[in-house]
Amino acid sequence: MKKNIFIAIIFIMSLNTTFGQSLNSLNWLNEPEQWNISDNRLTLQVTPQTDFWNKTHYGFTVNDGPFLFAKRSGEFEVTAKLTGKYKTRFDQMGLMFRIDNNHWIKTGIEYVDGVYNFSTVHTINHSSWSVVALKEKPKSIWIKAIRKVDAIEIFYSLDGTNYQMSNIVYFPEHRSIEVGMMAASPDGDGFEATFEDFKIKHTPDSRRLEWLKNNQE
């Protein structure tokens, strides 16, 4: 019996299937006027004067940036390659995880005073902002994020191979969420943003795997 349960665990772990759905099957929140999907690559002209932010420090709440998303439950890993023609302070693009207007995370590149920052805004009713200033201005950057239990782990890479962790942030578990690609141009008149290699990979529930491991017969 122990052998059968062990085989079952291995089988479940092998089901780390990458969702290869076409970007055309995703849904828009705040659809921009100009966007195109070709060869599963999304290019958009970011809507001017848009942002996602809740209250903290600045005193305003906005949720009007373009966001193309899929609905997901459970645990998963998501990756994407970002290329932006940033022009104005706070131009930004990246991944977003959203339950509603008061529970969301956005993470990616934010252009501030000529510096490319790897930025994460974590919002549970109020927004908190963290930044990692990059020494270079890379043409592209890669993001990987892992939803596990009640957290999201966030990583970035300058070459698509070697990843550096930037954050582990709390995010409510047992909730279906919208996950996808966002961009905003709070101070500017928009910019061109390109997303490539967007993938969502299912991962088995970590608590279930632990239970199976501890309840072999």
N, C-alpha and C. Protein backbone atom coordinates (compact mmCIF):
# COMPACT_ATOMS: atom_id res chain seq x y z
N MET A 1 0.82 -1.21 0.00
CA MET A 1 0.00 0.00 0.00
C MET A 1 0.86 1.26 0.00
N LYS A 2 1.96 1.21 0.80
CA LYS A 2 2.86 2.36 0.84
C LYS A 2 3.41 2.66 -0.55
N LYS A 3 3.74 1.58 -1.26
CA LYS A 3 4.29 1.75 -2.61
C LYS A 3 3.28 2.42 -3.53
N ASN A 4 2.00 2.05 -3.41
CA ASN A 4 0.96 2.63 -4.25
C ASN A 4 0.77 4.12 -3.98
N ILE A 5 0.80 4.51 -2.70
CA ILE A 5 0.66 5.92 -2.34
C ILE A 5 1.86 6.71 -2.84
N PHE A 6 3.05 6.11 -2.70
CA PHE A 6 4.25 6.79 -3.19
C PHE A 6 4.15 7.04 -4.69
N ILE A 7 3.68 6.02 -5.43
CA ILE A 7 3.51 6.17 -6.88
C ILE A 7 2.50 7.28 -7.17
N ALA A 8 1.43 7.35 -6.36
CA ALA A 8 0.42 8.39 -6.56
C ALA A 8 1.01 9.77 -6.36
N ILE A 9 1.88 9.92 -5.36
CA ILE A 9 2.52 11.22 -5.12
C ILE A 9 3.38 11.62 -6.31
N ILE A 10 4.18 10.66 -6.80
CA ILE A 10 5.03 10.95 -7.96
C ILE A 10 4.19 11.36 -9.16
N PHE A 11 3.06 10.67 -9.35
CA PHE A 11 2.17 10.98 -10.48
C PHE A 11 1.62 12.39 -10.35
N ILE A 12 1.16 12.76 -9.16
CA ILE A 12 0.62 14.11 -8.96
C ILE A 12 1.69 15.16 -9.21
N MET A 13 2.90 14.91 -8.73
CA MET A 13 3.99 15.87 -8.93
C MET A 13 4.34 16.00 -10.40
N SER A 14 4.09 14.95 -11.17
CA SER A 14 4.41 15.00 -12.60
C SER A 14 3.40 15.81 -13.39
N LEU A 15 2.28 16.19 -12.76
CA LEU A 15 1.24 16.91 -13.47
C LEU A 15 1.47 18.41 -13.48
N ASN A 16 2.72 18.84 -13.48
CA ASN A 16 3.05 20.26 -13.56
C ASN A 16 2.89 20.73 -15.00
N THR A 17 1.65 20.77 -15.45
CA THR A 17 1.35 21.04 -16.84
C THR A 17 1.34 22.54 -17.11
N THR A 18 2.02 22.95 -18.16
CA THR A 18 1.98 24.35 -18.56
C THR A 18 0.73 24.61 -19.37
N PHE A 19 -0.05 25.60 -18.97
CA PHE A 19 -1.24 25.97 -19.70
C PHE A 19 -0.80 26.75 -20.93
N GLY A 20 -1.05 26.17 -22.11
CA GLY A 20 -0.58 26.79 -23.33
C GLY A 20 -1.69 27.51 -24.07
N GLN A 21 -2.68 28.02 -23.32
CA GLN A 21 -3.80 28.66 -23.98
C GLN A 21 -3.33 29.88 -24.77
N SER A 22 -4.00 30.13 -25.87
CA SER A 22 -3.70 31.30 -26.67
C SER A 22 -4.02 32.56 -25.88
N LEU A 23 -3.22 33.59 -26.08
CA LEU A 23 -3.51 34.86 -25.42
C LEU A 23 -4.87 35.40 -25.82
N ASN A 24 -5.36 34.99 -27.00
CA ASN A 24 -6.67 35.44 -27.44
C ASN A 24 -7.80 34.91 -26.57
N SER A 25 -7.51 33.89 -25.74
CA SER A 25 -8.55 33.34 -24.87
C SER A 25 -8.64 34.08 -23.54
N LEU A 26 -7.75 35.03 -23.30
CA LEU A 26 -7.74 35.77 -22.04
C LEU A 26 -8.73 36.93 -22.09
N ASN A 27 -8.93 37.56 -20.94
CA ASN A 27 -9.93 38.62 -20.80
C ASN A 27 -9.28 39.94 -20.41
N TRP A 28 -9.86 41.02 -20.85
CA TRP A 28 -9.35 42.36 -20.53
C TRP A 28 -10.10 42.98 -19.35
N LEU A 29 -9.35 43.63 -18.49
CA LEU A 29 -9.87 44.65 -17.60
C LEU A 29 -9.26 45.96 -18.10
N ASN A 30 -10.07 46.94 -18.40
CA ASN A 30 -9.59 48.23 -18.93
C ASN A 30 -8.85 48.03 -20.26
N GLU A 31 -9.54 47.46 -21.23
CA GLU A 31 -8.94 47.20 -22.54
C GLU A 31 -8.41 48.49 -23.17
N PRO A 32 -7.15 48.52 -23.60
CA PRO A 32 -6.60 49.72 -24.23
C PRO A 32 -7.14 49.89 -25.66
N GLU A 33 -6.99 51.08 -26.20
CA GLU A 33 -7.48 51.34 -27.55
C GLU A 33 -6.66 50.60 -28.60
N GLN A 34 -5.34 50.49 -28.37
CA GLN A 34 -4.47 49.87 -29.36
C GLN A 34 -3.75 48.67 -28.75
N TRP A 35 -4.01 47.49 -29.32
CA TRP A 35 -3.30 46.30 -28.89
C TRP A 35 -3.35 45.27 -30.00
N ASN A 36 -2.38 44.34 -29.96
CA ASN A 36 -2.30 43.32 -31.00
C ASN A 36 -1.69 42.06 -30.41
N ILE A 37 -2.22 40.90 -30.84
CA ILE A 37 -1.64 39.61 -30.47
C ILE A 37 -1.22 38.91 -31.74
N SER A 38 0.07 38.57 -31.81
CA SER A 38 0.61 37.87 -32.97
C SER A 38 1.66 36.88 -32.49
N ASP A 39 1.57 35.63 -32.95
CA ASP A 39 2.49 34.58 -32.52
C ASP A 39 2.54 34.46 -31.00
N ASN A 40 1.38 34.64 -30.38
CA ASN A 40 1.24 34.56 -28.92
C ASN A 40 2.08 35.62 -28.20
N ARG A 41 2.29 36.73 -28.86
CA ARG A 41 2.98 37.89 -28.28
C ARG A 41 1.97 39.04 -28.20
N LEU A 42 1.87 39.66 -27.02
CA LEU A 42 0.99 40.80 -26.83
C LEU A 42 1.78 42.10 -26.90
N THR A 43 1.36 42.99 -27.79
CA THR A 43 1.93 44.34 -27.87
C THR A 43 0.78 45.32 -27.70
N LEU A 44 0.96 46.30 -26.82
CA LEU A 44 -0.08 47.29 -26.62
C LEU A 44 0.51 48.68 -26.47
N GLN A 45 -0.28 49.67 -26.81
CA GLN A 45 0.04 51.05 -26.51
C GLN A 45 -0.66 51.37 -25.19
N VAL A 46 0.12 51.56 -24.15
CA VAL A 46 -0.44 51.69 -22.80
C VAL A 46 -1.28 52.96 -22.71
N THR A 47 -2.46 52.84 -22.13
CA THR A 47 -3.37 53.96 -21.99
C THR A 47 -2.75 55.06 -21.13
N PRO A 48 -2.74 56.31 -21.61
CA PRO A 48 -2.16 57.41 -20.82
C PRO A 48 -2.89 57.64 -19.50
N GLN A 49 -2.15 58.17 -18.54
CA GLN A 49 -2.71 58.60 -17.26
C GLN A 49 -3.49 57.47 -16.57
N THR A 50 -2.86 56.30 -16.48
CA THR A 50 -3.49 55.15 -15.83
C THR A 50 -2.58 54.59 -14.75
N ASP A 51 -3.19 53.89 -13.78
CA ASP A 51 -2.38 53.34 -12.69
C ASP A 51 -3.23 52.35 -11.89
N PHE A 52 -2.53 51.61 -11.02
CA PHE A 52 -3.17 50.82 -9.97
C PHE A 52 -2.53 51.26 -8.65
N TRP A 53 -3.33 51.78 -7.73
CA TRP A 53 -2.81 52.22 -6.43
C TRP A 53 -3.97 52.42 -5.46
N ASN A 54 -3.76 52.09 -4.18
CA ASN A 54 -4.78 52.25 -3.16
C ASN A 54 -4.26 53.10 -2.00
N LYS A 55 -4.62 54.32 -1.97
CA LYS A 55 -4.58 55.23 -0.82
C LYS A 55 -3.20 55.63 -0.30
N THR A 56 -2.37 54.65 0.10
CA THR A 56 -1.18 54.92 0.90
C THR A 56 -0.32 56.07 0.37
N HIS A 57 0.02 56.99 1.25
CA HIS A 57 0.96 58.09 1.01
C HIS A 57 0.41 59.16 0.06
N TYR A 58 -0.14 58.73 -1.08
CA TYR A 58 -0.59 59.69 -2.09
C TYR A 58 -2.04 60.11 -1.90
N GLY A 59 -2.83 59.31 -1.21
CA GLY A 59 -4.19 59.70 -0.90
C GLY A 59 -5.23 59.45 -1.97
N PHE A 60 -4.87 58.74 -3.05
CA PHE A 60 -5.86 58.45 -4.09
C PHE A 60 -5.93 56.94 -4.33
N THR A 61 -7.03 56.51 -4.95
CA THR A 61 -7.23 55.12 -5.32
C THR A 61 -7.60 55.06 -6.80
N VAL A 62 -6.82 54.31 -7.60
CA VAL A 62 -7.11 54.14 -9.02
C VAL A 62 -6.89 52.69 -9.41
N ASN A 63 -7.72 52.21 -10.32
CA ASN A 63 -7.62 50.84 -10.82
C ASN A 63 -7.97 50.83 -12.30
N ASP A 64 -7.27 51.64 -13.10
CA ASP A 64 -7.70 51.84 -14.47
C ASP A 64 -6.65 51.48 -15.52
N GLY A 65 -5.58 50.78 -15.14
CA GLY A 65 -4.57 50.35 -16.11
C GLY A 65 -5.05 49.13 -16.90
N PRO A 66 -4.54 48.93 -18.11
CA PRO A 66 -4.89 47.74 -18.88
C PRO A 66 -4.31 46.47 -18.25
N PHE A 67 -5.13 45.40 -18.24
CA PHE A 67 -4.77 44.15 -17.58
C PHE A 67 -5.42 43.00 -18.34
N LEU A 68 -4.61 42.12 -18.92
CA LEU A 68 -5.09 40.96 -19.67
C LEU A 68 -4.85 39.73 -18.82
N PHE A 69 -5.91 38.97 -18.50
CA PHE A 69 -5.77 37.96 -17.45
C PHE A 69 -6.52 36.67 -17.75
N ALA A 70 -6.10 35.63 -17.00
CA ALA A 70 -6.81 34.35 -16.92
C ALA A 70 -7.23 34.16 -15.47
N LYS A 71 -8.27 33.36 -15.24
CA LYS A 71 -8.69 33.02 -13.89
C LYS A 71 -8.03 31.72 -13.47
N ARG A 72 -7.48 31.69 -12.25
CA ARG A 72 -6.82 30.49 -11.75
C ARG A 72 -7.15 30.29 -10.26
N SER A 73 -7.24 29.02 -9.88
CA SER A 73 -7.36 28.64 -8.48
C SER A 73 -6.16 27.77 -8.12
N GLY A 74 -5.93 27.61 -6.81
CA GLY A 74 -4.88 26.72 -6.37
C GLY A 74 -3.49 27.30 -6.55
N GLU A 75 -2.51 26.40 -6.58
CA GLU A 75 -1.11 26.81 -6.65
C GLU A 75 -0.60 26.71 -8.09
N PHE A 76 0.29 27.62 -8.45
CA PHE A 76 0.80 27.64 -9.82
C PHE A 76 2.07 28.48 -9.89
N GLU A 77 2.74 28.37 -11.04
CA GLU A 77 3.90 29.21 -11.36
C GLU A 77 3.59 29.94 -12.67
N VAL A 78 3.91 31.21 -12.73
CA VAL A 78 3.66 31.99 -13.94
C VAL A 78 4.95 32.72 -14.34
N THR A 79 5.21 32.77 -15.63
CA THR A 79 6.40 33.44 -16.15
C THR A 79 6.03 34.30 -17.35
N ALA A 80 6.87 35.31 -17.61
CA ALA A 80 6.67 36.16 -18.78
C ALA A 80 7.95 36.95 -19.05
N LYS A 81 8.11 37.33 -20.31
CA LYS A 81 9.21 38.20 -20.74
C LYS A 81 8.62 39.57 -21.06
N LEU A 82 9.27 40.63 -20.55
CA LEU A 82 8.77 41.99 -20.71
C LEU A 82 9.75 42.85 -21.50
N THR A 83 9.23 43.62 -22.46
CA THR A 83 10.04 44.59 -23.19
C THR A 83 9.23 45.87 -23.31
N GLY A 84 9.76 46.97 -22.78
CA GLY A 84 9.02 48.22 -22.80
C GLY A 84 9.84 49.38 -23.34
N LYS A 85 9.18 50.27 -24.05
CA LYS A 85 9.80 51.50 -24.53
C LYS A 85 9.38 52.64 -23.60
N TYR A 86 9.94 52.59 -22.38
CA TYR A 86 9.54 53.52 -21.34
C TYR A 86 9.97 54.95 -21.68
N LYS A 87 9.13 55.91 -21.32
CA LYS A 87 9.42 57.30 -21.67
C LYS A 87 9.31 58.25 -20.48
N THR A 88 8.35 58.01 -19.61
CA THR A 88 7.99 58.99 -18.60
C THR A 88 8.04 58.37 -17.21
N ARG A 89 8.32 59.18 -16.20
CA ARG A 89 8.36 58.72 -14.82
C ARG A 89 7.14 57.87 -14.47
N PHE A 90 7.40 56.73 -13.86
CA PHE A 90 6.40 55.77 -13.40
C PHE A 90 5.82 54.89 -14.51
N ASP A 91 6.29 55.01 -15.77
CA ASP A 91 5.89 54.04 -16.78
C ASP A 91 6.23 52.64 -16.25
N GLN A 92 5.31 51.69 -16.42
CA GLN A 92 5.49 50.39 -15.76
C GLN A 92 4.78 49.28 -16.53
N MET A 93 5.29 48.05 -16.39
CA MET A 93 4.65 46.87 -16.97
C MET A 93 5.11 45.64 -16.19
N GLY A 94 4.24 44.62 -16.15
CA GLY A 94 4.62 43.42 -15.42
C GLY A 94 3.47 42.46 -15.27
N LEU A 95 3.57 41.59 -14.27
CA LEU A 95 2.52 40.64 -13.94
C LEU A 95 1.63 41.21 -12.85
N MET A 96 0.39 40.75 -12.86
CA MET A 96 -0.55 41.17 -11.83
C MET A 96 -1.34 39.98 -11.33
N PHE A 97 -1.65 40.01 -10.02
CA PHE A 97 -2.48 39.00 -9.36
C PHE A 97 -3.59 39.76 -8.66
N ARG A 98 -4.85 39.44 -8.96
CA ARG A 98 -5.94 40.29 -8.50
C ARG A 98 -7.15 39.48 -8.06
N ILE A 99 -7.62 39.73 -6.85
CA ILE A 99 -8.89 39.19 -6.38
C ILE A 99 -10.00 40.21 -6.63
N ASP A 100 -9.74 41.46 -6.23
CA ASP A 100 -10.68 42.56 -6.45
C ASP A 100 -9.89 43.85 -6.33
N ASN A 101 -10.58 44.99 -6.30
CA ASN A 101 -9.90 46.28 -6.28
C ASN A 101 -9.09 46.53 -5.02
N ASN A 102 -9.32 45.75 -3.97
CA ASN A 102 -8.62 45.97 -2.71
C ASN A 102 -7.63 44.86 -2.36
N HIS A 103 -7.51 43.86 -3.23
CA HIS A 103 -6.60 42.74 -2.98
C HIS A 103 -5.89 42.39 -4.28
N TRP A 104 -4.68 42.87 -4.44
CA TRP A 104 -3.94 42.63 -5.68
C TRP A 104 -2.44 42.87 -5.48
N ILE A 105 -1.67 42.34 -6.43
CA ILE A 105 -0.22 42.54 -6.48
C ILE A 105 0.15 42.87 -7.92
N LYS A 106 1.00 43.85 -8.12
CA LYS A 106 1.60 44.07 -9.44
C LYS A 106 3.11 44.08 -9.26
N THR A 107 3.82 43.49 -10.23
CA THR A 107 5.28 43.40 -10.11
C THR A 107 5.92 43.41 -11.48
N GLY A 108 6.98 44.18 -11.63
CA GLY A 108 7.66 44.27 -12.92
C GLY A 108 8.60 45.46 -12.94
N ILE A 109 8.82 45.99 -14.15
CA ILE A 109 9.69 47.15 -14.30
C ILE A 109 8.89 48.44 -14.10
N GLU A 110 9.46 49.35 -13.33
CA GLU A 110 8.90 50.70 -13.19
C GLU A 110 10.03 51.70 -13.42
N TYR A 111 9.81 52.59 -14.35
CA TYR A 111 10.81 53.56 -14.78
C TYR A 111 10.67 54.83 -13.94
N VAL A 112 11.69 55.11 -13.12
CA VAL A 112 11.62 56.25 -12.20
C VAL A 112 12.90 57.07 -12.30
N ASP A 113 12.77 58.31 -12.74
CA ASP A 113 13.91 59.23 -12.81
C ASP A 113 15.10 58.63 -13.55
N GLY A 114 14.81 57.99 -14.67
CA GLY A 114 15.86 57.45 -15.52
C GLY A 114 16.40 56.10 -15.09
N VAL A 115 15.87 55.53 -14.00
CA VAL A 115 16.35 54.25 -13.48
C VAL A 115 15.29 53.19 -13.71
N TYR A 116 15.72 51.99 -14.14
CA TYR A 116 14.83 50.85 -14.23
C TYR A 116 14.80 50.17 -12.86
N ASN A 117 13.63 50.14 -12.26
CA ASN A 117 13.45 49.50 -10.97
C ASN A 117 12.62 48.23 -11.13
N PHE A 118 13.05 47.14 -10.48
CA PHE A 118 12.16 46.01 -10.36
C PHE A 118 11.26 46.31 -9.17
N SER A 119 9.98 46.48 -9.45
CA SER A 119 9.04 47.07 -8.50
C SER A 119 7.94 46.09 -8.15
N THR A 120 7.52 46.08 -6.90
CA THR A 120 6.36 45.30 -6.48
C THR A 120 5.45 46.18 -5.62
N VAL A 121 4.19 46.23 -5.99
CA VAL A 121 3.17 46.89 -5.17
C VAL A 121 2.24 45.82 -4.64
N HIS A 122 2.17 45.72 -3.33
CA HIS A 122 1.39 44.70 -2.63
C HIS A 122 0.23 45.41 -1.96
N THR A 123 -1.00 45.04 -2.32
CA THR A 123 -2.17 45.76 -1.84
C THR A 123 -3.15 44.84 -1.14
N ILE A 124 -3.31 45.05 0.15
CA ILE A 124 -4.39 44.48 0.94
C ILE A 124 -5.09 45.67 1.57
N ASN A 125 -6.05 46.21 0.87
CA ASN A 125 -6.77 47.45 1.22
C ASN A 125 -5.91 48.70 1.04
N HIS A 126 -4.67 48.67 1.47
CA HIS A 126 -3.73 49.77 1.24
C HIS A 126 -2.51 49.23 0.50
N SER A 127 -1.92 50.06 -0.35
CA SER A 127 -0.78 49.64 -1.17
C SER A 127 0.55 49.88 -0.45
N SER A 128 1.46 48.90 -0.58
CA SER A 128 2.84 49.03 -0.13
C SER A 128 3.74 48.83 -1.34
N TRP A 129 4.79 49.63 -1.44
CA TRP A 129 5.64 49.64 -2.63
C TRP A 129 7.07 49.31 -2.26
N SER A 130 7.69 48.36 -2.97
CA SER A 130 9.11 48.06 -2.79
C SER A 130 9.79 48.10 -4.15
N VAL A 131 11.06 48.53 -4.17
CA VAL A 131 11.79 48.64 -5.43
C VAL A 131 13.21 48.10 -5.27
N VAL A 132 13.70 47.51 -6.36
CA VAL A 132 15.10 47.11 -6.48
C VAL A 132 15.64 47.86 -7.69
N ALA A 133 16.53 48.82 -7.46
CA ALA A 133 17.09 49.59 -8.57
C ALA A 133 18.08 48.73 -9.36
N LEU A 134 17.87 48.63 -10.68
CA LEU A 134 18.77 47.85 -11.53
C LEU A 134 19.92 48.73 -12.00
N LYS A 135 21.12 48.16 -12.05
CA LYS A 135 22.28 48.92 -12.49
C LYS A 135 22.23 49.17 -13.99
N GLU A 136 21.61 48.23 -14.71
CA GLU A 136 21.54 48.35 -16.16
C GLU A 136 20.14 48.79 -16.59
N LYS A 137 20.01 49.05 -17.89
CA LYS A 137 18.71 49.27 -18.50
C LYS A 137 18.52 48.18 -19.55
N PRO A 138 18.19 46.97 -19.09
CA PRO A 138 18.11 45.84 -20.02
C PRO A 138 16.99 46.04 -21.04
N LYS A 139 17.22 45.52 -22.24
CA LYS A 139 16.18 45.60 -23.27
C LYS A 139 14.93 44.85 -22.81
N SER A 140 15.13 43.70 -22.16
CA SER A 140 14.01 42.89 -21.68
C SER A 140 14.32 42.39 -20.28
N ILE A 141 13.27 41.99 -19.59
CA ILE A 141 13.43 41.37 -18.28
C ILE A 141 12.42 40.24 -18.18
N TRP A 142 12.76 39.21 -17.42
CA TRP A 142 11.88 38.05 -17.23
C TRP A 142 11.40 38.03 -15.79
N ILE A 143 10.15 37.64 -15.61
CA ILE A 143 9.56 37.53 -14.28
C ILE A 143 9.06 36.10 -14.07
N LYS A 144 9.25 35.61 -12.85
CA LYS A 144 8.66 34.34 -12.43
C LYS A 144 8.01 34.56 -11.08
N ALA A 145 6.77 34.09 -10.93
CA ALA A 145 6.08 34.21 -9.65
C ALA A 145 5.42 32.88 -9.33
N ILE A 146 5.46 32.50 -8.06
CA ILE A 146 4.94 31.22 -7.61
C ILE A 146 3.90 31.47 -6.51
N ARG A 147 2.68 31.01 -6.77
CA ARG A 147 1.66 31.09 -5.73
C ARG A 147 1.69 29.79 -4.94
N LYS A 148 1.93 29.90 -3.63
CA LYS A 148 2.03 28.72 -2.77
C LYS A 148 1.40 29.04 -1.42
N VAL A 149 0.41 28.24 -1.03
CA VAL A 149 -0.33 28.40 0.24
C VAL A 149 -0.86 29.84 0.32
N ASP A 150 -0.38 30.64 1.29
CA ASP A 150 -0.92 32.00 1.46
C ASP A 150 0.10 33.06 1.04
N ALA A 151 0.92 32.75 0.05
CA ALA A 151 1.97 33.69 -0.35
C ALA A 151 2.20 33.62 -1.85
N ILE A 152 2.83 34.68 -2.36
CA ILE A 152 3.35 34.68 -3.72
C ILE A 152 4.82 35.03 -3.65
N GLU A 153 5.66 34.15 -4.23
CA GLU A 153 7.09 34.37 -4.30
C GLU A 153 7.40 35.00 -5.65
N ILE A 154 8.21 36.05 -5.66
CA ILE A 154 8.46 36.83 -6.87
C ILE A 154 9.95 36.84 -7.19
N PHE A 155 10.28 36.56 -8.46
CA PHE A 155 11.66 36.51 -8.92
C PHE A 155 11.79 37.31 -10.22
N TYR A 156 13.00 37.81 -10.49
CA TYR A 156 13.26 38.46 -11.77
C TYR A 156 14.59 37.98 -12.33
N SER A 157 14.74 38.12 -13.65
CA SER A 157 15.95 37.68 -14.33
C SER A 157 16.28 38.66 -15.45
N LEU A 158 17.58 38.86 -15.68
CA LEU A 158 18.04 39.72 -16.77
C LEU A 158 18.41 38.92 -18.01
N ASP A 159 18.41 37.57 -17.88
CA ASP A 159 18.80 36.75 -19.03
C ASP A 159 17.82 35.61 -19.31
N GLY A 160 16.75 35.50 -18.53
CA GLY A 160 15.77 34.44 -18.74
C GLY A 160 16.18 33.10 -18.18
N THR A 161 17.34 33.04 -17.53
CA THR A 161 17.85 31.77 -16.98
C THR A 161 18.11 31.87 -15.48
N ASN A 162 18.85 32.88 -15.08
CA ASN A 162 19.24 33.06 -13.68
C ASN A 162 18.29 34.05 -13.01
N TYR A 163 17.56 33.56 -11.98
CA TYR A 163 16.54 34.37 -11.32
C TYR A 163 16.98 34.79 -9.92
N GLN A 164 16.59 35.99 -9.54
CA GLN A 164 16.86 36.56 -8.22
C GLN A 164 15.53 36.82 -7.52
N MET A 165 15.37 36.31 -6.30
CA MET A 165 14.14 36.60 -5.56
C MET A 165 14.11 38.06 -5.11
N SER A 166 12.95 38.69 -5.25
CA SER A 166 12.79 40.06 -4.77
C SER A 166 11.82 40.15 -3.60
N ASN A 167 10.79 39.31 -3.58
CA ASN A 167 9.76 39.42 -2.55
C ASN A 167 9.12 38.07 -2.26
N ILE A 168 8.67 37.91 -1.02
CA ILE A 168 7.64 36.95 -0.66
C ILE A 168 6.56 37.77 0.02
N VAL A 169 5.34 37.77 -0.53
CA VAL A 169 4.28 38.61 0.01
C VAL A 169 3.05 37.77 0.31
N TYR A 170 2.33 38.20 1.31
CA TYR A 170 1.08 37.52 1.68
C TYR A 170 0.01 37.75 0.61
N PHE A 171 -0.75 36.67 0.33
CA PHE A 171 -1.92 36.81 -0.54
C PHE A 171 -2.94 35.77 -0.10
N PRO A 172 -4.20 36.16 0.08
CA PRO A 172 -5.19 35.24 0.65
C PRO A 172 -5.29 33.93 -0.12
N GLU A 173 -5.29 32.82 0.61
CA GLU A 173 -5.40 31.50 -0.04
C GLU A 173 -6.86 31.11 -0.20
N HIS A 174 -7.06 30.00 -0.91
CA HIS A 174 -8.40 29.45 -1.17
C HIS A 174 -9.30 30.45 -1.89
N ARG A 175 -8.71 31.26 -2.72
CA ARG A 175 -9.47 32.22 -3.51
C ARG A 175 -9.05 32.10 -4.97
N SER A 176 -10.02 32.10 -5.86
CA SER A 176 -9.70 32.19 -7.28
C SER A 176 -9.22 33.60 -7.57
N ILE A 177 -8.20 33.70 -8.44
CA ILE A 177 -7.65 35.02 -8.72
C ILE A 177 -7.49 35.21 -10.22
N GLU A 178 -7.37 36.47 -10.60
CA GLU A 178 -7.04 36.84 -11.97
C GLU A 178 -5.52 37.02 -12.04
N VAL A 179 -4.88 36.36 -12.98
CA VAL A 179 -3.43 36.47 -13.12
C VAL A 179 -3.12 36.78 -14.57
N GLY A 180 -2.24 37.76 -14.79
CA GLY A 180 -1.94 38.12 -16.17
C GLY A 180 -0.97 39.28 -16.29
N MET A 181 -1.09 40.01 -17.38
CA MET A 181 -0.14 41.04 -17.79
C MET A 181 -0.76 42.43 -17.65
N MET A 182 -0.07 43.31 -16.94
CA MET A 182 -0.58 44.67 -16.74
C MET A 182 0.45 45.70 -17.16
N ALA A 183 -0.02 46.90 -17.41
CA ALA A 183 0.87 48.03 -17.70
C ALA A 183 0.14 49.31 -17.31
N ALA A 184 0.90 50.37 -17.09
CA ALA A 184 0.29 51.65 -16.73
C ALA A 184 1.27 52.77 -17.03
N SER A 185 0.72 53.98 -17.19
CA SER A 185 1.53 55.17 -17.48
C SER A 185 0.95 56.34 -16.69
N PRO A 186 1.18 56.36 -15.36
CA PRO A 186 0.51 57.34 -14.50
C PRO A 186 0.77 58.80 -14.86
N ASP A 187 2.01 59.12 -15.23
CA ASP A 187 2.37 60.52 -15.49
C ASP A 187 2.48 60.84 -16.97
N GLY A 188 2.43 59.82 -17.83
CA GLY A 188 2.78 60.02 -19.22
C GLY A 188 1.63 59.86 -20.19
N ASP A 189 2.01 59.88 -21.48
CA ASP A 189 1.02 59.74 -22.54
C ASP A 189 1.04 58.33 -23.12
N GLY A 190 1.53 57.35 -22.34
CA GLY A 190 1.57 55.97 -22.76
C GLY A 190 2.90 55.59 -23.38
N PHE A 191 3.10 54.29 -23.60
CA PHE A 191 4.32 53.78 -24.22
C PHE A 191 4.00 52.41 -24.79
N GLU A 192 4.90 51.89 -25.60
CA GLU A 192 4.70 50.56 -26.19
C GLU A 192 5.24 49.49 -25.25
N ALA A 193 4.40 48.52 -24.94
CA ALA A 193 4.77 47.42 -24.05
C ALA A 193 4.54 46.10 -24.78
N THR A 194 5.52 45.19 -24.68
CA THR A 194 5.42 43.89 -25.34
C THR A 194 5.64 42.78 -24.32
N PHE A 195 4.71 41.81 -24.30
CA PHE A 195 4.80 40.65 -23.43
C PHE A 195 4.97 39.40 -24.29
N GLU A 196 5.94 38.57 -23.93
CA GLU A 196 6.19 37.32 -24.64
C GLU A 196 6.30 36.17 -23.63
N ASP A 197 6.12 34.95 -24.15
CA ASP A 197 6.36 33.72 -23.37
C ASP A 197 5.55 33.69 -22.07
N PHE A 198 4.32 34.22 -22.12
CA PHE A 198 3.46 34.16 -20.93
C PHE A 198 2.97 32.73 -20.74
N LYS A 199 3.29 32.14 -19.59
CA LYS A 199 2.92 30.76 -19.31
C LYS A 199 2.48 30.62 -17.86
N ILE A 200 1.46 29.79 -17.65
CA ILE A 200 1.01 29.42 -16.32
C ILE A 200 1.17 27.92 -16.17
N LYS A 201 1.89 27.50 -15.16
CA LYS A 201 2.13 26.08 -14.91
C LYS A 201 1.49 25.66 -13.59
N HIS A 202 0.55 24.72 -13.67
CA HIS A 202 -0.08 24.20 -12.46
C HIS A 202 0.95 23.49 -11.59
N THR A 203 0.87 23.70 -10.28
CA THR A 203 1.68 22.95 -9.33
C THR A 203 0.76 22.30 -8.31
N PRO A 204 1.05 21.07 -7.88
CA PRO A 204 0.18 20.37 -6.93
C PRO A 204 0.10 21.12 -5.61
N ASP A 205 -1.04 21.03 -4.95
CA ASP A 205 -1.24 21.68 -3.66
C ASP A 205 -0.20 21.14 -2.66
N SER A 206 0.59 22.03 -2.09
CA SER A 206 1.71 21.61 -1.24
C SER A 206 1.23 20.94 0.04
N ARG A 207 0.10 21.38 0.59
CA ARG A 207 -0.40 20.75 1.82
C ARG A 207 -0.94 19.35 1.53
N ARG A 208 -1.55 19.18 0.35
CA ARG A 208 -2.03 17.85 -0.01
C ARG A 208 -0.86 16.88 -0.16
N LEU A 209 0.22 17.32 -0.82
CA LEU A 209 1.39 16.46 -0.96
C LEU A 209 1.97 16.09 0.39
N GLU A 210 1.99 17.04 1.32
CA GLU A 210 2.51 16.76 2.66
C GLU A 210 1.61 15.74 3.37
N TRP A 211 0.30 15.89 3.20
CA TRP A 211 -0.63 14.94 3.82
C TRP A 211 -0.41 13.54 3.26
N LEU A 212 -0.29 13.42 1.92
CA LEU A 212 -0.05 12.11 1.33
C LEU A 212 1.25 11.48 1.83
N LYS A 213 2.27 12.33 1.95
CA LYS A 213 3.54 11.83 2.44
C LYS A 213 3.45 11.31 3.86
N ASN A 214 2.65 11.99 4.69
CA ASN A 214 2.57 11.63 6.10
C ASN A 214 1.51 10.57 6.41
N ASN A 215 0.75 10.18 5.38
CA ASN A 215 -0.32 9.23 5.61
C ASN A 215 -0.19 8.00 4.70
N GLN A 216 1.03 7.58 4.48
CA GLN A 216 1.25 6.32 3.79
C GLN A 216 0.88 5.14 4.68
N GLU A 217 0.37 4.11 4.06
CA GLU A 217 -0.01 2.91 4.84
C GLU A 217 0.97 1.77 4.58
